PDB file of N, CA and C in Angstrom:
ATOM      1  N   LEU A   1      94.670  78.941  87.592  1.00  0.00           N
ATOM      2  CA  LEU A   1      93.346  78.613  88.130  1.00  0.00           C
ATOM      3  C   LEU A   1      93.412  78.313  89.592  1.00  0.00           C
ATOM      4  N   PRO A   2      92.397  78.702  90.354  1.00  0.00           N
ATOM      5  CA  PRO A   2      92.416  78.366  91.745  1.00  0.00           C
ATOM      6  C   PRO A   2      92.305  76.859  91.921  1.00  0.00           C
ATOM      7  N   ASN A   3      92.261  76.471  93.210  1.00  0.00           N
ATOM      8  CA  ASN A   3      92.200  74.976  93.509  1.00  0.00           C
ATOM      9  C   ASN A   3      91.077  74.363  92.731  1.00  0.00           C
ATOM     10  N   ASP A   4      91.182  72.998  92.598  1.00  0.00           N
ATOM     11  CA  ASP A   4      90.139  72.280  91.855  1.00  0.00           C
ATOM     12  C   ASP A   4      89.201  71.599  92.807  1.00  0.00           C
ATOM     13  N   GLY A   5      89.091  72.083  94.023  1.00  0.00           N
ATOM     14  CA  GLY A   5      88.132  71.503  94.981  1.00  0.00           C
ATOM     15  C   GLY A   5      86.708  71.868  94.564  1.00  0.00           C
ATOM     16  N   GLU A   6      85.749  71.533  95.377  1.00  0.00           N
ATOM     17  CA  GLU A   6      84.339  71.708  95.061  1.00  0.00           C
ATOM     18  C   GLU A   6      84.038  73.225  94.845  1.00  0.00           C
ATOM     19  N   GLY A   7      84.777  74.129  95.517  1.00  0.00           N
ATOM     20  CA  GLY A   7      84.495  75.539  95.352  1.00  0.00           C
ATOM     21  C   GLY A   7      85.365  76.168  94.320  1.00  0.00           C
ATOM     22  N   GLY A   8      86.259  75.429  93.695  1.00  0.00           N
ATOM     23  CA  GLY A   8      87.206  75.989  92.735  1.00  0.00           C
ATOM     24  C   GLY A   8      86.571  76.336  91.404  1.00  0.00           C
ATOM     25  N   MET A   9      87.358  77.061  90.570  1.00  0.00           N
ATOM     26  CA  MET A   9      86.863  77.471  89.293  1.00  0.00           C
ATOM     27  C   MET A   9      87.215  76.516  88.137  1.00  0.00           C
ATOM     28  N   ARG A  10      88.062  75.587  88.411  1.00  0.00           N
ATOM     29  CA  ARG A  10      88.528  74.715  87.358  1.00  0.00           C
ATOM     30  C   ARG A  10      87.438  74.017  86.589  1.00  0.00           C
ATOM     31  N   PHE A  11      86.427  73.533  87.321  1.00  0.00           N
ATOM     32  CA  PHE A  11      85.329  72.789  86.689  1.00  0.00           C
ATOM     33  C   PHE A  11      84.012  73.553  86.744  1.00  0.00           C
ATOM     34  N   ALA A  12      84.076  74.863  86.941  1.00  0.00           N
ATOM     35  CA  ALA A  12      82.886  75.690  87.061  1.00  0.00           C
ATOM     36  C   ALA A  12      81.975  75.534  85.826  1.00  0.00           C
ATOM     37  N   LEU A  13      82.574  75.623  84.660  1.00  0.00           N
ATOM     38  CA  LEU A  13      81.785  75.568  83.410  1.00  0.00           C
ATOM     39  C   LEU A  13      81.085  74.200  83.278  1.00  0.00           C
ATOM     40  N   ILE A  14      81.816  73.138  83.616  1.00  0.00           N
ATOM     41  CA  ILE A  14      81.215  71.827  83.548  1.00  0.00           C
ATOM     42  C   ILE A  14      80.060  71.673  84.523  1.00  0.00           C
ATOM     43  N   ARG A  15      80.301  72.168  85.812  1.00  0.00           N
ATOM     44  CA  ARG A  15      79.235  72.124  86.795  1.00  0.00           C
ATOM     45  C   ARG A  15      78.007  72.932  86.325  1.00  0.00           C
ATOM     46  N   THR A  16      78.248  73.986  85.631  1.00  0.00           N
ATOM     47  CA  THR A  16      77.147  74.841  85.156  1.00  0.00           C
ATOM     48  C   THR A  16      76.391  74.138  84.041  1.00  0.00           C
ATOM     49  N   LEU A  17      77.121  73.516  83.077  1.00  0.00           N
ATOM     50  CA  LEU A  17      76.465  72.926  81.917  1.00  0.00           C
ATOM     51  C   LEU A  17      75.836  71.537  82.126  1.00  0.00           C
ATOM     52  N   MET A  18      76.305  70.824  83.101  1.00  0.00           N
ATOM     53  CA  MET A  18      75.878  69.434  83.267  1.00  0.00           C
ATOM     54  C   MET A  18      74.345  69.287  83.378  1.00  0.00           C
ATOM     55  N   PRO A  19      73.663  70.163  84.177  1.00  0.00           N
ATOM     56  CA  PRO A  19      72.176  69.969  84.186  1.00  0.00           C
ATOM     57  C   PRO A  19      71.527  70.198  82.803  1.00  0.00           C
ATOM     58  N   SER A  20      72.044  71.113  82.057  1.00  0.00           N
ATOM     59  CA  SER A  20      71.543  71.382  80.717  1.00  0.00           C
ATOM     60  C   SER A  20      71.818  70.187  79.770  1.00  0.00           C
ATOM     61  N   LEU A  21      72.976  69.634  79.869  1.00  0.00           N
ATOM     62  CA  LEU A  21      73.340  68.468  79.015  1.00  0.00           C
ATOM     63  C   LEU A  21      72.479  67.288  79.368  1.00  0.00           C
ATOM     64  N   SER A  22      72.290  67.033  80.685  1.00  0.00           N
ATOM     65  CA  SER A  22      71.459  65.967  81.108  1.00  0.00           C
ATOM     66  C   SER A  22      70.008  66.127  80.612  1.00  0.00           C
ATOM     67  N   ARG A  23      69.497  67.326  80.673  1.00  0.00           N
ATOM     68  CA  ARG A  23      68.118  67.604  80.163  1.00  0.00           C
ATOM     69  C   ARG A  23      68.078  67.415  78.651  1.00  0.00           C
ATOM     70  N   ALA A  24      69.101  67.850  77.941  1.00  0.00           N
ATOM     71  CA  ALA A  24      69.151  67.676  76.518  1.00  0.00           C
ATOM     72  C   ALA A  24      69.163  66.199  76.153  1.00  0.00           C
ATOM     73  N   ASN A  25      69.943  65.419  76.879  1.00  0.00           N
ATOM     74  CA  ASN A  25      69.965  63.980  76.669  1.00  0.00           C
ATOM     75  C   ASN A  25      68.588  63.342  76.921  1.00  0.00           C
ATOM     76  N   GLN A  26      67.923  63.746  77.967  1.00  0.00           N
ATOM     77  CA  GLN A  26      66.614  63.254  78.250  1.00  0.00           C
ATOM     78  C   GLN A  26      65.606  63.572  77.137  1.00  0.00           C
ATOM     79  N   LEU A  27      65.669  64.821  76.639  1.00  0.00           N
ATOM     80  CA  LEU A  27      64.787  65.224  75.570  1.00  0.00           C
ATOM     81  C   LEU A  27      65.036  64.510  74.268  1.00  0.00           C
ATOM     82  N   MET A  28      66.316  64.237  73.968  1.00  0.00           N
ATOM     83  CA  MET A  28      66.624  63.484  72.771  1.00  0.00           C
ATOM     84  C   MET A  28      66.151  62.032  72.890  1.00  0.00           C
ATOM     85  N   ARG A  29      66.315  61.378  74.014  1.00  0.00           N
ATOM     86  CA  ARG A  29      65.843  60.030  74.192  1.00  0.00           C
ATOM     87  C   ARG A  29      64.297  59.960  74.166  1.00  0.00           C
ATOM     88  N   GLU A  30      63.670  60.987  74.767  1.00  0.00           N
ATOM     89  CA  GLU A  30      62.219  60.977  74.793  1.00  0.00           C
ATOM     90  C   GLU A  30      61.674  61.281  73.403  1.00  0.00           C
ATOM     91  N   GLY A  31      62.367  62.110  72.621  1.00  0.00           N
ATOM     92  CA  GLY A  31      61.975  62.371  71.258  1.00  0.00           C
ATOM     93  C   GLY A  31      62.066  61.146  70.404  1.00  0.00           C
ATOM     94  N   ALA A  32      63.125  60.352  70.564  1.00  0.00           N
ATOM     95  CA  ALA A  32      63.227  59.067  69.831  1.00  0.00           C
ATOM     96  C   ALA A  32      62.113  58.098  70.232  1.00  0.00           C
ATOM     97  N   MET A  33      61.827  58.041  71.512  1.00  0.00           N
ATOM     98  CA  MET A  33      60.735  57.177  71.975  1.00  0.00           C
ATOM     99  C   MET A  33      59.390  57.661  71.390  1.00  0.00           C
ATOM    100  N   ASN A  34      59.184  58.963  71.388  1.00  0.00           N
ATOM    101  CA  ASN A  34      57.926  59.495  70.830  1.00  0.00           C
ATOM    102  C   ASN A  34      57.782  59.152  69.363  1.00  0.00           C
ATOM    103  N   LEU A  35      58.868  59.209  68.577  1.00  0.00           N
ATOM    104  CA  LEU A  35      58.830  58.856  67.210  1.00  0.00           C
ATOM    105  C   LEU A  35      58.458  57.416  67.026  1.00  0.00           C
ATOM    106  N   GLU A  36      59.120  56.497  67.739  1.00  0.00           N
ATOM    107  CA  GLU A  36      58.846  55.068  67.615  1.00  0.00           C
ATOM    108  C   GLU A  36      57.423  54.752  68.061  1.00  0.00           C
ATOM    109  N   ALA A  37      56.955  55.437  69.150  1.00  0.00           N
ATOM    110  CA  ALA A  37      55.605  55.202  69.625  1.00  0.00           C
ATOM    111  C   ALA A  37      54.554  55.713  68.622  1.00  0.00           C
ATOM    112  N   THR A  38      54.883  56.829  67.983  1.00  0.00           N
ATOM    113  CA  THR A  38      53.977  57.385  66.994  1.00  0.00           C
ATOM    114  C   THR A  38      53.827  56.436  65.764  1.00  0.00           C
ATOM    115  N   ILE A  39      54.939  55.898  65.371  1.00  0.00           N
ATOM    116  CA  ILE A  39      54.945  54.888  64.297  1.00  0.00           C
ATOM    117  C   ILE A  39      54.118  53.695  64.725  1.00  0.00           C
ATOM    118  N   ALA A  40      54.324  53.240  65.928  1.00  0.00           N
ATOM    119  CA  ALA A  40      53.553  52.071  66.430  1.00  0.00           C
ATOM    120  C   ALA A  40      52.094  52.369  66.491  1.00  0.00           C
ATOM    121  N   ALA A  41      51.715  53.633  66.880  1.00  0.00           N
ATOM    122  CA  ALA A  41      50.282  54.022  66.911  1.00  0.00           C
ATOM    123  C   ALA A  41      49.675  54.007  65.545  1.00  0.00           C
ATOM    124  N   VAL A  42      50.421  54.461  64.553  1.00  0.00           N
ATOM    125  CA  VAL A  42      49.911  54.392  63.123  1.00  0.00           C
ATOM    126  C   VAL A  42      49.734  52.976  62.697  1.00  0.00           C
ATOM    127  N   LYS A  43      50.721  52.151  63.002  1.00  0.00           N
ATOM    128  CA  LYS A  43      50.662  50.711  62.688  1.00  0.00           C
ATOM    129  C   LYS A  43      49.539  50.015  63.417  1.00  0.00           C
ATOM    130  N   LEU A  44      49.310  50.433  64.664  1.00  0.00           N
ATOM    131  CA  LEU A  44      48.201  49.877  65.454  1.00  0.00           C
ATOM    132  C   LEU A  44      46.862  50.208  64.758  1.00  0.00           C
ATOM    133  N   SER A  45      46.752  51.424  64.300  1.00  0.00           N
ATOM    134  CA  SER A  45      45.565  51.840  63.569  1.00  0.00           C
ATOM    135  C   SER A  45      45.386  51.050  62.322  1.00  0.00           C
ATOM    136  N   THR A  46      46.461  50.761  61.608  1.00  0.00           N
ATOM    137  CA  THR A  46      46.389  49.960  60.401  1.00  0.00           C
ATOM    138  C   THR A  46      45.952  48.528  60.731  1.00  0.00           C
ATOM    139  N   PHE A  47      46.527  47.979  61.808  1.00  0.00           N
ATOM    140  CA  PHE A  47      46.144  46.646  62.257  1.00  0.00           C
ATOM    141  C   PHE A  47      44.643  46.517  62.552  1.00  0.00           C
ATOM    142  N   ILE A  48      44.161  47.512  63.309  1.00  0.00           N
ATOM    143  CA  ILE A  48      42.751  47.536  63.651  1.00  0.00           C
ATOM    144  C   ILE A  48      41.859  47.624  62.436  1.00  0.00           C
ATOM    145  N   ALA A  49      42.277  48.518  61.469  1.00  0.00           N
ATOM    146  CA  ALA A  49      41.480  48.702  60.242  1.00  0.00           C
ATOM    147  C   ALA A  49      41.504  47.435  59.391  1.00  0.00           C
ATOM    148  N   THR A  50      42.572  46.683  59.395  1.00  0.00           N
ATOM    149  CA  THR A  50      42.710  45.507  58.593  1.00  0.00           C
ATOM    150  C   THR A  50      42.041  44.263  59.234  1.00  0.00           C
ATOM    151  N   LYS A  51      42.262  44.093  60.546  1.00  0.00           N
ATOM    152  CA  LYS A  51      41.770  42.893  61.256  1.00  0.00           C
ATOM    153  C   LYS A  51      40.400  43.092  61.906  1.00  0.00           C
ATOM    154  N   GLY A  52      40.015  44.361  62.147  1.00  0.00           N
ATOM    155  CA  GLY A  52      38.731  44.609  62.762  1.00  0.00           C
ATOM    156  C   GLY A  52      38.746  44.600  64.290  1.00  0.00           C
ATOM    157  N   HIS A  53      39.924  44.484  64.890  1.00  0.00           N
ATOM    158  CA  HIS A  53      40.079  44.453  66.370  1.00  0.00           C
ATOM    159  C   HIS A  53      41.517  44.840  66.723  1.00  0.00           C
ATOM    160  N   ALA A  54      41.700  45.237  67.958  1.00  0.00           N
ATOM    161  CA  ALA A  54      43.065  45.532  68.437  1.00  0.00           C
ATOM    162  C   ALA A  54      43.759  44.266  68.759  1.00  0.00           C
ATOM    163  N   PRO A  55      45.045  44.244  68.608  1.00  0.00           N
ATOM    164  CA  PRO A  55      45.808  42.994  69.033  1.00  0.00           C
ATOM    165  C   PRO A  55      45.752  42.825  70.536  1.00  0.00           C
ATOM    166  N   ARG A  56      45.840  41.608  70.996  1.00  0.00           N
ATOM    167  CA  ARG A  56      45.785  41.373  72.479  1.00  0.00           C
ATOM    168  C   ARG A  56      47.123  41.854  73.126  1.00  0.00           C
ATOM    169  N   ARG A  57      48.218  41.787  72.345  1.00  0.00           N
ATOM    170  CA  ARG A  57      49.495  42.313  72.769  1.00  0.00           C
ATOM    171  C   ARG A  57      50.240  42.848  71.574  1.00  0.00           C
ATOM    172  N   LEU A  58      51.151  43.749  71.836  1.00  0.00           N
ATOM    173  CA  LEU A  58      51.911  44.409  70.714  1.00  0.00           C
ATOM    174  C   LEU A  58      52.759  43.444  69.979  1.00  0.00           C
ATOM    175  N   GLY A  59      53.163  42.367  70.547  1.00  0.00           N
ATOM    176  CA  GLY A  59      53.975  41.340  69.918  1.00  0.00           C
ATOM    177  C   GLY A  59      53.274  40.706  68.726  1.00  0.00           C
ATOM    178  N   GLU A  60      51.956  40.755  68.664  1.00  0.00           N
ATOM    179  CA  GLU A  60      51.195  40.209  67.547  1.00  0.00           C
ATOM    180  C   GLU A  60      51.495  41.028  66.272  1.00  0.00           C
ATOM    181  N   MET A  61      51.990  42.258  66.424  1.00  0.00           N
ATOM    182  CA  MET A  61      52.189  43.126  65.299  1.00  0.00           C
ATOM    183  C   MET A  61      53.546  42.980  64.701  1.00  0.00           C
ATOM    184  N   VAL A  62      54.419  42.251  65.349  1.00  0.00           N
ATOM    185  CA  VAL A  62      55.829  42.023  64.857  1.00  0.00           C
ATOM    186  C   VAL A  62      55.854  40.678  64.124  1.00  0.00           C
ATOM    187  N   PRO A  63      56.453  40.634  62.980  1.00  0.00           N
ATOM    188  CA  PRO A  63      57.145  41.627  62.158  1.00  0.00           C
ATOM    189  C   PRO A  63      56.290  42.213  61.089  1.00  0.00           C
ATOM    190  N   GLU A  64      55.025  41.770  60.941  1.00  0.00           N
ATOM    191  CA  GLU A  64      54.226  42.259  59.838  1.00  0.00           C
ATOM    192  C   GLU A  64      53.948  43.741  59.827  1.00  0.00           C
ATOM    193  N   TYR A  65      53.715  44.281  61.056  1.00  0.00           N
ATOM    194  CA  TYR A  65      53.361  45.727  61.160  1.00  0.00           C
ATOM    195  C   TYR A  65      54.525  46.519  61.806  1.00  0.00           C
ATOM    196  N   LEU A  66      55.216  45.959  62.753  1.00  0.00           N
ATOM    197  CA  LEU A  66      56.280  46.629  63.442  1.00  0.00           C
ATOM    198  C   LEU A  66      57.587  45.804  63.320  1.00  0.00           C
ATOM    199  N   LYS A  67      58.745  46.480  63.245  1.00  0.00           N
ATOM    200  CA  LYS A  67      60.037  45.757  63.279  1.00  0.00           C
ATOM    201  C   LYS A  67      60.262  45.252  64.710  1.00  0.00           C
ATOM    202  N   GLN A  68      59.921  46.070  65.676  1.00  0.00           N
ATOM    203  CA  GLN A  68      60.118  45.680  67.074  1.00  0.00           C
ATOM    204  C   GLN A  68      59.128  46.537  67.927  1.00  0.00           C
ATOM    205  N   ILE A  69      58.912  46.105  69.130  1.00  0.00           N
ATOM    206  CA  ILE A  69      58.053  46.834  70.038  1.00  0.00           C
ATOM    207  C   ILE A  69      58.841  48.018  70.587  1.00  0.00           C
ATOM    208  N   PRO A  70      58.329  49.230  70.580  1.00  0.00           N
ATOM    209  CA  PRO A  70      59.071  50.390  71.077  1.00  0.00           C
ATOM    210  C   PRO A  70      59.424  50.252  72.560  1.00  0.00           C
ATOM    211  N   VAL A  71      60.581  50.802  72.939  1.00  0.00           N
ATOM    212  CA  VAL A  71      61.052  50.678  74.285  1.00  0.00           C
ATOM    213  C   VAL A  71      60.666  51.964  75.041  1.00  0.00           C
ATOM    214  N   ASP A  72      60.210  51.787  76.280  1.00  0.00           N
ATOM    215  CA  ASP A  72      59.960  52.902  77.168  1.00  0.00           C
ATOM    216  C   ASP A  72      61.224  53.286  77.880  1.00  0.00           C
ATOM    217  N   ILE A  73      61.720  54.496  77.574  1.00  0.00           N
ATOM    218  CA  ILE A  73      63.039  54.902  78.138  1.00  0.00           C
ATOM    219  C   ILE A  73      62.962  55.099  79.645  1.00  0.00           C
ATOM    220  N   TYR A  74      61.763  55.301  80.193  1.00  0.00           N
ATOM    221  CA  TYR A  74      61.603  55.519  81.607  1.00  0.00           C
ATOM    222  C   TYR A  74      61.500  54.227  82.382  1.00  0.00           C
ATOM    223  N   ALA A  75      60.991  53.146  81.751  1.00  0.00           N
ATOM    224  CA  ALA A  75      60.835  51.877  82.455  1.00  0.00           C
ATOM    225  C   ALA A  75      61.939  50.918  82.101  1.00  0.00           C
ATOM    226  N   GLY A  76      62.568  51.139  80.953  1.00  0.00           N
ATOM    227  CA  GLY A  76      63.637  50.222  80.485  1.00  0.00           C
ATOM    228  C   GLY A  76      63.099  48.933  79.899  1.00  0.00           C
ATOM    229  N   THR A  77      61.797  48.889  79.649  1.00  0.00           N
ATOM    230  CA  THR A  77      61.132  47.766  79.058  1.00  0.00           C
ATOM    231  C   THR A  77      60.291  48.263  77.873  1.00  0.00           C
ATOM    232  N   HIS A  78      59.504  47.399  77.246  1.00  0.00           N
ATOM    233  CA  HIS A  78      58.652  47.807  76.180  1.00  0.00           C
ATOM    234  C   HIS A  78      57.547  48.761  76.690  1.00  0.00           C
ATOM    235  N   LEU A  79      56.992  49.569  75.800  1.00  0.00           N
ATOM    236  CA  LEU A  79      55.882  50.384  76.137  1.00  0.00           C
ATOM    237  C   LEU A  79      54.784  49.510  76.670  1.00  0.00           C
ATOM    238  N   LYS A  80      53.994  50.103  77.603  1.00  0.00           N
ATOM    239  CA  LYS A  80      52.867  49.347  78.211  1.00  0.00           C
ATOM    240  C   LYS A  80      51.732  49.320  77.156  1.00  0.00           C
ATOM    241  N   TYR A  81      51.068  48.191  77.085  1.00  0.00           N
ATOM    242  CA  TYR A  81      49.960  47.997  76.212  1.00  0.00           C
ATOM    243  C   TYR A  81      48.904  47.195  76.919  1.00  0.00           C
ATOM    244  N   VAL A  82      47.661  47.740  76.988  1.00  0.00           N
ATOM    245  CA  VAL A  82      46.591  47.085  77.747  1.00  0.00           C
ATOM    246  C   VAL A  82      45.332  47.081  76.849  1.00  0.00           C
ATOM    247  N   VAL A  83      44.707  45.980  76.816  1.00  0.00           N
ATOM    248  CA  VAL A  83      43.388  45.833  76.148  1.00  0.00           C
ATOM    249  C   VAL A  83      42.336  45.716  77.289  1.00  0.00           C
ATOM    250  N   ARG A  84      41.425  46.691  77.265  1.00  0.00           N
ATOM    251  CA  ARG A  84      40.415  46.706  78.345  1.00  0.00           C
ATOM    252  C   ARG A  84      39.313  45.726  78.037  1.00  0.00           C
ATOM    253  N   GLU A  85      38.431  45.529  79.010  1.00  0.00           N
ATOM    254  CA  GLU A  85      37.303  44.569  78.921  1.00  0.00           C
ATOM    255  C   GLU A  85      36.381  44.909  77.717  1.00  0.00           C
ATOM    256  N   ASP A  86      36.251  46.255  77.391  1.00  0.00           N
ATOM    257  CA  ASP A  86      35.363  46.638  76.302  1.00  0.00           C
ATOM    258  C   ASP A  86      36.020  46.486  74.939  1.00  0.00           C
ATOM    259  N   GLY A  87      37.317  46.001  74.921  1.00  0.00           N
ATOM    260  CA  GLY A  87      38.023  45.798  73.656  1.00  0.00           C
ATOM    261  C   GLY A  87      38.884  46.963  73.207  1.00  0.00           C
ATOM    262  N   SER A  88      38.767  48.108  73.903  1.00  0.00           N
ATOM    263  CA  SER A  88      39.594  49.278  73.571  1.00  0.00           C
ATOM    264  C   SER A  88      40.981  49.046  74.087  1.00  0.00           C
ATOM    265  N   ALA A  89      41.961  49.661  73.471  1.00  0.00           N
ATOM    266  CA  ALA A  89      43.355  49.453  73.866  1.00  0.00           C
ATOM    267  C   ALA A  89      44.025  50.730  74.239  1.00  0.00           C
ATOM    268  N   SER A  90      45.087  50.602  75.006  1.00  0.00           N
ATOM    269  CA  SER A  90      45.881  51.759  75.413  1.00  0.00           C
ATOM    270  C   SER A  90      47.355  51.431  75.317  1.00  0.00           C
ATOM    271  N   MET A  91      48.138  52.334  74.784  1.00  0.00           N
ATOM    272  CA  MET A  91      49.571  52.144  74.691  1.00  0.00           C
ATOM    273  C   MET A  91      50.240  53.387  75.293  1.00  0.00           C
ATOM    274  N   TYR A  92      51.148  53.168  76.292  1.00  0.00           N
ATOM    275  CA  TYR A  92      51.687  54.305  76.990  1.00  0.00           C
ATOM    276  C   TYR A  92      53.045  54.019  77.588  1.00  0.00           C
ATOM    277  N   SER A  93      53.743  55.107  77.956  1.00  0.00           N
ATOM    278  CA  SER A  93      54.957  55.055  78.687  1.00  0.00           C
ATOM    279  C   SER A  93      54.681  55.394  80.138  1.00  0.00           C
ATOM    280  N   VAL A  94      55.442  54.847  81.071  1.00  0.00           N
ATOM    281  CA  VAL A  94      55.244  55.183  82.484  1.00  0.00           C
ATOM    282  C   VAL A  94      55.558  56.621  82.801  1.00  0.00           C
ATOM    283  N   GLY A  95      56.277  57.277  81.867  1.00  0.00           N
ATOM    284  CA  GLY A  95      56.529  58.735  81.973  1.00  0.00           C
ATOM    285  C   GLY A  95      57.599  59.103  82.974  1.00  0.00           C
ATOM    286  N   ARG A  96      57.735  60.425  83.138  1.00  0.00           N
ATOM    287  CA  ARG A  96      58.807  60.958  83.955  1.00  0.00           C
ATOM    288  C   ARG A  96      58.703  60.730  85.424  1.00  0.00           C
ATOM    289  N   ASN A  97      57.566  60.250  85.937  1.00  0.00           N
ATOM    290  CA  ASN A  97      57.474  59.945  87.334  1.00  0.00           C
ATOM    291  C   ASN A  97      57.843  58.465  87.595  1.00  0.00           C
ATOM    292  N   PHE A  98      58.199  57.727  86.530  1.00  0.00           N
ATOM    293  CA  PHE A  98      58.698  56.337  86.645  1.00  0.00           C
ATOM    294  C   PHE A  98      57.721  55.392  87.279  1.00  0.00           C
ATOM    295  N   THR A  99      56.395  55.734  87.252  1.00  0.00           N
ATOM    296  CA  THR A  99      55.399  54.912  87.891  1.00  0.00           C
ATOM    297  C   THR A  99      54.320  54.549  86.867  1.00  0.00           C
ATOM    298  N   ASP A 100      53.928  53.321  86.844  1.00  0.00           N
ATOM    299  CA  ASP A 100      52.861  52.874  85.952  1.00  0.00           C
ATOM    300  C   ASP A 100      51.501  53.311  86.601  1.00  0.00           C
ATOM    301  N   ASP A 101      50.936  54.339  86.018  1.00  0.00           N
ATOM    302  CA  ASP A 101      49.675  54.870  86.525  1.00  0.00           C
ATOM    303  C   ASP A 101      48.547  54.392  85.642  1.00  0.00           C
ATOM    304  N   ALA A 102      48.684  53.203  85.001  1.00  0.00           N
ATOM    305  CA  ALA A 102      47.626  52.599  84.192  1.00  0.00           C
ATOM    306  C   ALA A 102      47.170  53.492  83.060  1.00  0.00           C
ATOM    307  N   GLY A 103      48.041  54.251  82.441  1.00  0.00           N
ATOM    308  CA  GLY A 103      47.654  55.075  81.324  1.00  0.00           C
ATOM    309  C   GLY A 103      46.990  56.382  81.705  1.00  0.00           C
ATOM    310  N   SER A 104      47.196  56.838  82.862  1.00  0.00           N
ATOM    311  CA  SER A 104      46.582  58.095  83.374  1.00  0.00           C
ATOM    312  C   SER A 104      47.237  59.340  82.737  1.00  0.00           C
ATOM    313  N   THR A 105      46.384  60.277  82.343  1.00  0.00           N
ATOM    314  CA  THR A 105      46.888  61.560  81.792  1.00  0.00           C
ATOM    315  C   THR A 105      46.727  62.660  82.824  1.00  0.00           C
ATOM    316  N   GLN A 106      46.534  62.307  84.072  1.00  0.00           N
ATOM    317  CA  GLN A 106      46.421  63.280  85.136  1.00  0.00           C
ATOM    318  C   GLN A 106      47.750  63.978  85.363  1.00  0.00           C
ATOM    319  N   GLU A 107      47.701  65.282  85.666  1.00  0.00           N
ATOM    320  CA  GLU A 107      48.929  65.997  85.914  1.00  0.00           C
ATOM    321  C   GLU A 107      49.583  65.663  87.232  1.00  0.00           C
ATOM    322  N   VAL A 108      50.896  65.562  87.255  1.00  0.00           N
ATOM    323  CA  VAL A 108      51.658  65.295  88.399  1.00  0.00           C
ATOM    324  C   VAL A 108      52.918  66.176  88.419  1.00  0.00           C
ATOM    325  N   ILE A 109      53.558  66.290  89.556  1.00  0.00           N
ATOM    326  CA  ILE A 109      54.792  67.027  89.576  1.00  0.00           C
ATOM    327  C   ILE A 109      55.943  66.092  89.279  1.00  0.00           C
ATOM    328  N   GLU A 110      56.864  66.496  88.418  1.00  0.00           N
ATOM    329  CA  GLU A 110      58.004  65.653  88.028  1.00  0.00           C
ATOM    330  C   GLU A 110      58.837  65.401  89.294  1.00  0.00           C
ATOM    331  N   PRO A 111      59.401  64.186  89.495  1.00  0.00           N
ATOM    332  CA  PRO A 111      60.268  63.930  90.606  1.00  0.00           C
ATOM    333  C   PRO A 111      61.420  64.858  90.613  1.00  0.00           C
ATOM    334  N   GLY A 112      61.787  65.399  91.744  1.00  0.00           N
ATOM    335  CA  GLY A 112      62.955  66.291  91.898  1.00  0.00           C
ATOM    336  C   GLY A 112      62.757  67.639  91.273  1.00  0.00           C
ATOM    337  N   GLY A 113      61.547  67.965  90.903  1.00  0.00           N
ATOM    338  CA  GLY A 113      61.337  69.230  90.256  1.00  0.00           C
ATOM    339  C   GLY A 113      60.045  69.957  90.652  1.00  0.00           C
ATOM    340  N   SER A 114      59.776  70.995  90.020  1.00  0.00           N
ATOM    341  CA  SER A 114      58.502  71.685  90.319  1.00  0.00           C
ATOM    342  C   SER A 114      57.629  71.836  89.070  1.00  0.00           C
ATOM    343  N   SER A 115      58.121  71.275  87.944  1.00  0.00           N
ATOM    344  CA  SER A 115      57.315  71.333  86.748  1.00  0.00           C
ATOM    345  C   SER A 115      56.303  70.232  86.697  1.00  0.00           C
ATOM    346  N   LYS A 116      55.206  70.477  86.015  1.00  0.00           N
ATOM    347  CA  LYS A 116      54.147  69.457  85.868  1.00  0.00           C
ATOM    348  C   LYS A 116      54.346  68.663  84.577  1.00  0.00           C
ATOM    349  N   THR A 117      53.881  67.393  84.655  1.00  0.00           N
ATOM    350  CA  THR A 117      53.856  66.492  83.525  1.00  0.00           C
ATOM    351  C   THR A 117      52.660  65.598  83.694  1.00  0.00           C
ATOM    352  N   THR A 118      52.377  64.813  82.707  1.00  0.00           N
ATOM    353  CA  THR A 118      51.254  63.851  82.852  1.00  0.00           C
ATOM    354  C   THR A 118      51.806  62.622  83.570  1.00  0.00           C
ATOM    355  N   ALA A 119      50.954  61.914  84.313  1.00  0.00           N
ATOM    356  CA  ALA A 119      51.393  60.745  85.086  1.00  0.00           C
ATOM    357  C   ALA A 119      52.050  59.720  84.103  1.00  0.00           C
ATOM    358  N   ASP A 120      51.389  59.418  83.003  1.00  0.00           N
ATOM    359  CA  ASP A 120      51.929  58.526  81.980  1.00  0.00           C
ATOM    360  C   ASP A 120      51.877  59.310  80.624  1.00  0.00           C
ATOM    361  N   ILE A 121      52.698  58.845  79.706  1.00  0.00           N
ATOM    362  CA  ILE A 121      52.659  59.490  78.348  1.00  0.00           C
ATOM    363  C   ILE A 121      51.900  58.515  77.476  1.00  0.00           C
ATOM    364  N   VAL A 122      50.646  58.939  77.170  1.00  0.00           N
ATOM    365  CA  VAL A 122      49.756  58.028  76.436  1.00  0.00           C
ATOM    366  C   VAL A 122      49.819  58.303  74.925  1.00  0.00           C
ATOM    367  N   TYR A 123      50.067  57.221  74.195  1.00  0.00           N
ATOM    368  CA  TYR A 123      50.165  57.342  72.679  1.00  0.00           C
ATOM    369  C   TYR A 123      48.930  56.795  72.010  1.00  0.00           C
ATOM    370  N   TRP A 124      48.178  56.002  72.689  1.00  0.00           N
ATOM    371  CA  TRP A 124      46.998  55.432  72.058  1.00  0.00           C
ATOM    372  C   TRP A 124      45.957  55.127  73.149  1.00  0.00           C
ATOM    373  N   GLY A 125      44.765  55.640  72.915  1.00  0.00           N
ATOM    374  CA  GLY A 125      43.636  55.209  73.813  1.00  0.00           C
ATOM    375  C   GLY A 125      43.710  55.685  75.225  1.00  0.00           C
ATOM    376  N   ALA A 126      43.690  57.026  75.443  1.00  0.00           N
ATOM    377  CA  ALA A 126      43.830  57.562  76.784  1.00  0.00           C
ATOM    378  C   ALA A 126      42.714  57.066  77.680  1.00  0.00           C
ATOM    379  N   LYS A 127      43.065  56.745  78.910  1.00  0.00           N
ATOM    380  CA  LYS A 127      42.086  56.303  79.917  1.00  0.00           C
ATOM    381  C   LYS A 127      41.172  57.483  80.284  1.00  0.00           C
ATOM    382  N   GLN A 128      39.915  57.250  80.404  1.00  0.00           N
ATOM    383  CA  GLN A 128      39.014  58.312  80.798  1.00  0.00           C
ATOM    384  C   GLN A 128      39.171  58.587  82.269  1.00  0.00           C
ATOM    385  N   GLU A 129      39.522  59.824  82.609  1.00  0.00           N
ATOM    386  CA  GLU A 129      39.715  60.226  84.002  1.00  0.00           C
ATOM    387  C   GLU A 129      38.435  60.685  84.678  1.00  0.00           C
TER     388      GLU A 129
END
């Protein structure tokens, strides 16, 4: 094999596959978050049907409805949950732009890329744009 410097062939396959592996890892983690958030949305619906109102915070649903509050893989904290003045609620992830856009579903360009995504990933009660 030629030298193992930056231009060498020794690690060419690894350099070629790393972006794909990173993307696969991101999609797996996002898929797990989507599953947990979907379960939380179903449980939120059950809470509202039972109690007649949305909880003021997701913690009110633990442990009766949820084992734990889902984690936002992009923020490293729990999913965002907001109860608006009219009593409606919204549950969302800050999404791939890593910015809390208050539950916005407006299209934005992903950081470091050219593909579009929504500003936030909304699982419950999308904000009216």
